[in-house]
Amino acid sequence: MRKRERSEDTRHKIELGGLVIKASLGDEDRAYILGVLLTGNRRKGDARLREQMIKLGREALRQ
């Protein structure tokens, strides 16, 4: 991986970590956080739930 790609990858991971903090999950067990994410990923085919989660996320990002 080139330096630029590594930098982009690092930035992406930092941004994702910031979302964990924004969701007040920074002090949670890593397995719990991963479980929450995996559960959400499994349910992303539910269009109604997906829209609700996007709305909730957008509201949280505005704060």
PDB file of N, CA and C in Angstrom:
ATOM      1  N   MET A   1       0.851  -1.174   0.000  1.00  0.00           N
ATOM      2  CA  MET A   1       0.000   0.000   0.000  1.00  0.00           C
ATOM      3  C   MET A   1       0.898   1.239   0.000  1.00  0.00           C
ATOM      4  N   ARG A   2       0.590   2.163  -0.869  1.00  0.00           N
ATOM      5  CA  ARG A   2       1.390   3.381  -0.947  1.00  0.00           C
ATOM      6  C   ARG A   2       1.050   4.326   0.199  1.00  0.00           C
ATOM      7  N   LYS A   3       1.908   5.307   0.377  1.00  0.00           N
ATOM      8  CA  LYS A   3       1.740   6.247   1.484  1.00  0.00           C
ATOM      9  C   LYS A   3       0.392   6.960   1.411  1.00  0.00           C
ATOM     10  N   ARG A   4       0.003   7.401   0.229  1.00  0.00           N
ATOM     11  CA  ARG A   4      -1.276   8.106   0.079  1.00  0.00           C
ATOM     12  C   ARG A   4      -2.445   7.196   0.452  1.00  0.00           C
ATOM     13  N   GLU A   5      -2.394   5.958  -0.004  1.00  0.00           N
ATOM     14  CA  GLU A   5      -3.453   5.001   0.320  1.00  0.00           C
ATOM     15  C   GLU A   5      -3.505   4.732   1.820  1.00  0.00           C
ATOM     16  N   ARG A   6      -2.339   4.627   2.442  1.00  0.00           N
ATOM     17  CA  ARG A   6      -2.295   4.415   3.893  1.00  0.00           C
ATOM     18  C   ARG A   6      -2.882   5.609   4.627  1.00  0.00           C
ATOM     19  N   SER A   7      -2.562   6.805   4.152  1.00  0.00           N
ATOM     20  CA  SER A   7      -3.095   8.016   4.780  1.00  0.00           C
ATOM     21  C   SER A   7      -4.612   8.073   4.658  1.00  0.00           C
ATOM     22  N   GLU A   8      -5.123   7.738   3.486  1.00  0.00           N
ATOM     23  CA  GLU A   8      -6.575   7.734   3.278  1.00  0.00           C
ATOM     24  C   GLU A   8      -7.240   6.678   4.153  1.00  0.00           C
ATOM     25  N   ASP A   9      -6.613   5.515   4.250  1.00  0.00           N
ATOM     26  CA  ASP A   9      -7.144   4.438   5.083  1.00  0.00           C
ATOM     27  C   ASP A   9      -7.161   4.858   6.553  1.00  0.00           C
ATOM     28  N   THR A  10      -6.087   5.482   6.990  1.00  0.00           N
ATOM     29  CA  THR A  10      -6.001   5.952   8.374  1.00  0.00           C
ATOM     30  C   THR A  10      -7.074   6.989   8.656  1.00  0.00           C
ATOM     31  N   ARG A  11      -7.250   7.924   7.751  1.00  0.00           N
ATOM     32  CA  ARG A  11      -8.268   8.963   7.926  1.00  0.00           C
ATOM     33  C   ARG A  11      -9.666   8.349   8.015  1.00  0.00           C
ATOM     34  N   HIS A  12      -9.930   7.382   7.163  1.00  0.00           N
ATOM     35  CA  HIS A  12     -11.231   6.709   7.161  1.00  0.00           C
ATOM     36  C   HIS A  12     -11.484   6.023   8.507  1.00  0.00           C
ATOM     37  N   LYS A  13     -10.480   5.344   9.019  1.00  0.00           N
ATOM     38  CA  LYS A  13     -10.618   4.657  10.304  1.00  0.00           C
ATOM     39  C   LYS A  13     -10.822   5.646  11.446  1.00  0.00           C
ATOM     40  N   ILE A  14     -10.141   6.761  11.397  1.00  0.00           N
ATOM     41  CA  ILE A  14     -10.314   7.792  12.423  1.00  0.00           C
ATOM     42  C   ILE A  14     -11.735   8.347  12.374  1.00  0.00           C
ATOM     43  N   GLU A  15     -12.243   8.581  11.169  1.00  0.00           N
ATOM     44  CA  GLU A  15     -13.615   9.077  11.027  1.00  0.00           C
ATOM     45  C   GLU A  15     -14.622   8.076  11.590  1.00  0.00           C
ATOM     46  N   LEU A  16     -14.411   6.794  11.309  1.00  0.00           N
ATOM     47  CA  LEU A  16     -15.313   5.770  11.843  1.00  0.00           C
ATOM     48  C   LEU A  16     -15.236   5.715  13.364  1.00  0.00           C
ATOM     49  N   GLY A  17     -14.041   5.850  13.899  1.00  0.00           N
ATOM     50  CA  GLY A  17     -13.885   5.901  15.352  1.00  0.00           C
ATOM     51  C   GLY A  17     -14.613   7.093  15.946  1.00  0.00           C
ATOM     52  N   GLY A  18     -14.596   8.205  15.230  1.00  0.00           N
ATOM     53  CA  GLY A  18     -15.317   9.389  15.676  1.00  0.00           C
ATOM     54  C   GLY A  18     -16.814   9.146  15.763  1.00  0.00           C
ATOM     55  N   LEU A  19     -17.329   8.328  14.860  1.00  0.00           N
ATOM     56  CA  LEU A  19     -18.754   7.992  14.908  1.00  0.00           C
ATOM     57  C   LEU A  19     -19.079   7.169  16.151  1.00  0.00           C
ATOM     58  N   VAL A  20     -18.173   6.302  16.528  1.00  0.00           N
ATOM     59  CA  VAL A  20     -18.363   5.511  17.747  1.00  0.00           C
ATOM     60  C   VAL A  20     -18.428   6.446  18.949  1.00  0.00           C
ATOM     61  N   ILE A  21     -17.551   7.423  18.986  1.00  0.00           N
ATOM     62  CA  ILE A  21     -17.548   8.399  20.078  1.00  0.00           C
ATOM     63  C   ILE A  21     -18.829   9.228  20.048  1.00  0.00           C
ATOM     64  N   LYS A  22     -19.221   9.681  18.864  1.00  0.00           N
ATOM     65  CA  LYS A  22     -20.431  10.496  18.712  1.00  0.00           C
ATOM     66  C   LYS A  22     -21.664   9.739  19.212  1.00  0.00           C
ATOM     67  N   ALA A  23     -21.664   8.428  19.032  1.00  0.00           N
ATOM     68  CA  ALA A  23     -22.786   7.597  19.474  1.00  0.00           C
ATOM     69  C   ALA A  23     -22.689   7.248  20.961  1.00  0.00           C
ATOM     70  N   SER A  24     -21.726   7.838  21.655  1.00  0.00           N
ATOM     71  CA  SER A  24     -21.502   7.583  23.088  1.00  0.00           C
ATOM     72  C   SER A  24     -21.189   6.119  23.375  1.00  0.00           C
ATOM     73  N   LEU A  25     -20.461   5.494  22.463  1.00  0.00           N
ATOM     74  CA  LEU A  25     -20.088   4.095  22.639  1.00  0.00           C
ATOM     75  C   LEU A  25     -18.593   3.923  22.904  1.00  0.00           C
ATOM     76  N   GLY A  26     -17.895   5.012  23.101  1.00  0.00           N
ATOM     77  CA  GLY A  26     -16.449   4.954  23.274  1.00  0.00           C
ATOM     78  C   GLY A  26     -15.983   4.142  24.467  1.00  0.00           C
ATOM     79  N   ASP A  27     -16.813   4.042  25.492  1.00  0.00           N
ATOM     80  CA  ASP A  27     -16.432   3.294  26.691  1.00  0.00           C
ATOM     81  C   ASP A  27     -17.001   1.874  26.705  1.00  0.00           C
ATOM     82  N   GLU A  28     -17.682   1.505  25.642  1.00  0.00           N
ATOM     83  CA  GLU A  28     -18.282   0.169  25.579  1.00  0.00           C
ATOM     84  C   GLU A  28     -17.248  -0.879  25.183  1.00  0.00           C
ATOM     85  N   ASP A  29     -17.561  -2.104  25.505  1.00  0.00           N
ATOM     86  CA  ASP A  29     -16.741  -3.241  25.106  1.00  0.00           C
ATOM     87  C   ASP A  29     -16.693  -3.311  23.578  1.00  0.00           C
ATOM     88  N   ARG A  30     -15.535  -3.568  23.032  1.00  0.00           N
ATOM     89  CA  ARG A  30     -15.379  -3.625  21.571  1.00  0.00           C
ATOM     90  C   ARG A  30     -16.275  -4.684  20.950  1.00  0.00           C
ATOM     91  N   ALA A  31     -16.449  -5.803  21.638  1.00  0.00           N
ATOM     92  CA  ALA A  31     -17.314  -6.865  21.116  1.00  0.00           C
ATOM     93  C   ALA A  31     -18.761  -6.383  21.030  1.00  0.00           C
ATOM     94  N   TYR A  32     -19.180  -5.593  22.002  1.00  0.00           N
ATOM     95  CA  TYR A  32     -20.537  -5.043  21.976  1.00  0.00           C
ATOM     96  C   TYR A  32     -20.707  -4.107  20.781  1.00  0.00           C
ATOM     97  N   ILE A  33     -19.742  -3.222  20.589  1.00  0.00           N
ATOM     98  CA  ILE A  33     -19.809  -2.278  19.469  1.00  0.00           C
ATOM     99  C   ILE A  33     -19.878  -3.040  18.148  1.00  0.00           C
ATOM    100  N   LEU A  34     -19.034  -4.035  18.003  1.00  0.00           N
ATOM    101  CA  LEU A  34     -19.049  -4.825  16.774  1.00  0.00           C
ATOM    102  C   LEU A  34     -20.378  -5.550  16.617  1.00  0.00           C
ATOM    103  N   GLY A  35     -20.916  -6.067  17.703  1.00  0.00           N
ATOM    104  CA  GLY A  35     -22.218  -6.733  17.648  1.00  0.00           C
ATOM    105  C   GLY A  35     -23.325  -5.797  17.194  1.00  0.00           C
ATOM    106  N   VAL A  36     -23.301  -4.578  17.699  1.00  0.00           N
ATOM    107  CA  VAL A  36     -24.295  -3.579  17.283  1.00  0.00           C
ATOM    108  C   VAL A  36     -24.170  -3.313  15.785  1.00  0.00           C
ATOM    109  N   LEU A  37     -22.953  -3.144  15.321  1.00  0.00           N
ATOM    110  CA  LEU A  37     -22.730  -2.881  13.899  1.00  0.00           C
ATOM    111  C   LEU A  37     -23.142  -4.070  13.030  1.00  0.00           C
ATOM    112  N   LEU A  38     -22.810  -5.263  13.467  1.00  0.00           N
ATOM    113  CA  LEU A  38     -23.186  -6.454  12.699  1.00  0.00           C
ATOM    114  C   LEU A  38     -24.702  -6.629  12.651  1.00  0.00           C
ATOM    115  N   THR A  39     -25.360  -6.350  13.763  1.00  0.00           N
ATOM    116  CA  THR A  39     -26.821  -6.438  13.794  1.00  0.00           C
ATOM    117  C   THR A  39     -27.432  -5.439  12.822  1.00  0.00           C
ATOM    118  N   GLY A  40     -26.929  -4.226  12.848  1.00  0.00           N
ATOM    119  CA  GLY A  40     -27.419  -3.217  11.910  1.00  0.00           C
ATOM    120  C   GLY A  40     -27.174  -3.615  10.470  1.00  0.00           C
ATOM    121  N   ASN A  41     -26.017  -4.185  10.213  1.00  0.00           N
ATOM    122  CA  ASN A  41     -25.688  -4.602   8.852  1.00  0.00           C
ATOM    123  C   ASN A  41     -26.618  -5.714   8.370  1.00  0.00           C
ATOM    124  N   ARG A  42     -26.957  -6.619   9.251  1.00  0.00           N
ATOM    125  CA  ARG A  42     -27.859  -7.719   8.880  1.00  0.00           C
ATOM    126  C   ARG A  42     -29.265  -7.220   8.583  1.00  0.00           C
ATOM    127  N   ARG A  43     -29.626  -6.104   9.188  1.00  0.00           N
ATOM    128  CA  ARG A  43     -30.990  -5.587   9.027  1.00  0.00           C
ATOM    129  C   ARG A  43     -31.085  -4.463   8.005  1.00  0.00           C
ATOM    130  N   LYS A  44     -29.994  -4.172   7.313  1.00  0.00           N
ATOM    131  CA  LYS A  44     -30.013  -3.048   6.381  1.00  0.00           C
ATOM    132  C   LYS A  44     -30.918  -3.282   5.178  1.00  0.00           C
ATOM    133  N   GLY A  45     -31.338  -4.517   4.954  1.00  0.00           N
ATOM    134  CA  GLY A  45     -32.273  -4.805   3.872  1.00  0.00           C
ATOM    135  C   GLY A  45     -33.686  -4.333   4.168  1.00  0.00           C
ATOM    136  N   ASP A  46     -33.959  -4.018   5.423  1.00  0.00           N
ATOM    137  CA  ASP A  46     -35.264  -3.499   5.836  1.00  0.00           C
ATOM    138  C   ASP A  46     -35.281  -2.006   5.509  1.00  0.00           C
ATOM    139  N   ALA A  47     -35.911  -1.657   4.401  1.00  0.00           N
ATOM    140  CA  ALA A  47     -35.866  -0.281   3.896  1.00  0.00           C
ATOM    141  C   ALA A  47     -36.406   0.724   4.910  1.00  0.00           C
ATOM    142  N   ARG A  48     -37.460   0.364   5.601  1.00  0.00           N
ATOM    143  CA  ARG A  48     -38.052   1.287   6.577  1.00  0.00           C
ATOM    144  C   ARG A  48     -37.091   1.542   7.742  1.00  0.00           C
ATOM    145  N   LEU A  49     -36.514   0.475   8.263  1.00  0.00           N
ATOM    146  CA  LEU A  49     -35.553   0.619   9.354  1.00  0.00           C
ATOM    147  C   LEU A  49     -34.333   1.403   8.892  1.00  0.00           C
ATOM    148  N   ARG A  50     -33.874   1.124   7.682  1.00  0.00           N
ATOM    149  CA  ARG A  50     -32.709   1.830   7.140  1.00  0.00           C
ATOM    150  C   ARG A  50     -32.969   3.334   7.085  1.00  0.00           C
ATOM    151  N   GLU A  51     -34.138   3.718   6.608  1.00  0.00           N
ATOM    152  CA  GLU A  51     -34.484   5.143   6.544  1.00  0.00           C
ATOM    153  C   GLU A  51     -34.536   5.762   7.939  1.00  0.00           C
ATOM    154  N   GLN A  52     -35.075   5.029   8.900  1.00  0.00           N
ATOM    155  CA  GLN A  52     -35.121   5.527  10.275  1.00  0.00           C
ATOM    156  C   GLN A  52     -33.710   5.728  10.827  1.00  0.00           C
ATOM    157  N   MET A  53     -32.829   4.783  10.549  1.00  0.00           N
ATOM    158  CA  MET A  53     -31.456   4.876  11.044  1.00  0.00           C
ATOM    159  C   MET A  53     -30.699   6.027  10.378  1.00  0.00           C
ATOM    160  N   ILE A  54     -30.942   6.226   9.094  1.00  0.00           N
ATOM    161  CA  ILE A  54     -30.303   7.343   8.388  1.00  0.00           C
ATOM    162  C   ILE A  54     -30.789   8.666   8.971  1.00  0.00           C
ATOM    163  N   LYS A  55     -32.081   8.770   9.221  1.00  0.00           N
ATOM    164  CA  LYS A  55     -32.635   9.995   9.807  1.00  0.00           C
ATOM    165  C   LYS A  55     -32.029  10.247  11.190  1.00  0.00           C
ATOM    166  N   LEU A  56     -31.982   9.219  12.003  1.00  0.00           N
ATOM    167  CA  LEU A  56     -31.403   9.338  13.341  1.00  0.00           C
ATOM    168  C   LEU A  56     -29.934   9.752  13.259  1.00  0.00           C
ATOM    169  N   GLY A  57     -29.199   9.127  12.360  1.00  0.00           N
ATOM    170  CA  GLY A  57     -27.783   9.450  12.195  1.00  0.00           C
ATOM    171  C   GLY A  57     -27.559  10.874  11.723  1.00  0.00           C
ATOM    172  N   ARG A  58     -28.348  11.312  10.771  1.00  0.00           N
ATOM    173  CA  ARG A  58     -28.200  12.688  10.274  1.00  0.00           C
ATOM    174  C   ARG A  58     -28.483  13.704  11.372  1.00  0.00           C
ATOM    175  N   GLU A  59     -29.504  13.427  12.176  1.00  0.00           N
ATOM    176  CA  GLU A  59     -29.816  14.328  13.291  1.00  0.00           C
ATOM    177  C   GLU A  59     -28.654  14.386  14.278  1.00  0.00           C
ATOM    178  N   ALA A  60     -28.076  13.242  14.574  1.00  0.00           N
ATOM    179  CA  ALA A  60     -26.951  13.195  15.515  1.00  0.00           C
ATOM    180  C   ALA A  60     -25.727  13.916  14.948  1.00  0.00           C
ATOM    181  N   LEU A  61     -25.504  13.801  13.656  1.00  0.00           N
ATOM    182  CA  LEU A  61     -24.353  14.463  13.042  1.00  0.00           C
ATOM    183  C   LEU A  61     -24.493  15.986  13.041  1.00  0.00           C
ATOM    184  N   ARG A  62     -25.711  16.473  13.073  1.00  0.00           N
ATOM    185  CA  ARG A  62     -25.930  17.930  13.105  1.00  0.00           C
ATOM    186  C   ARG A  62     -25.657  18.522  14.481  1.00  0.00           C
ATOM    187  N   GLN A  63     -25.607  17.696  15.492  1.00  0.00           N
ATOM    188  CA  GLN A  63     -25.407  18.194  16.863  1.00  0.00           C
ATOM    189  C   GLN A  63     -23.958  18.474  17.131  1.00  0.00           C
TER     190      GLN A  63
END
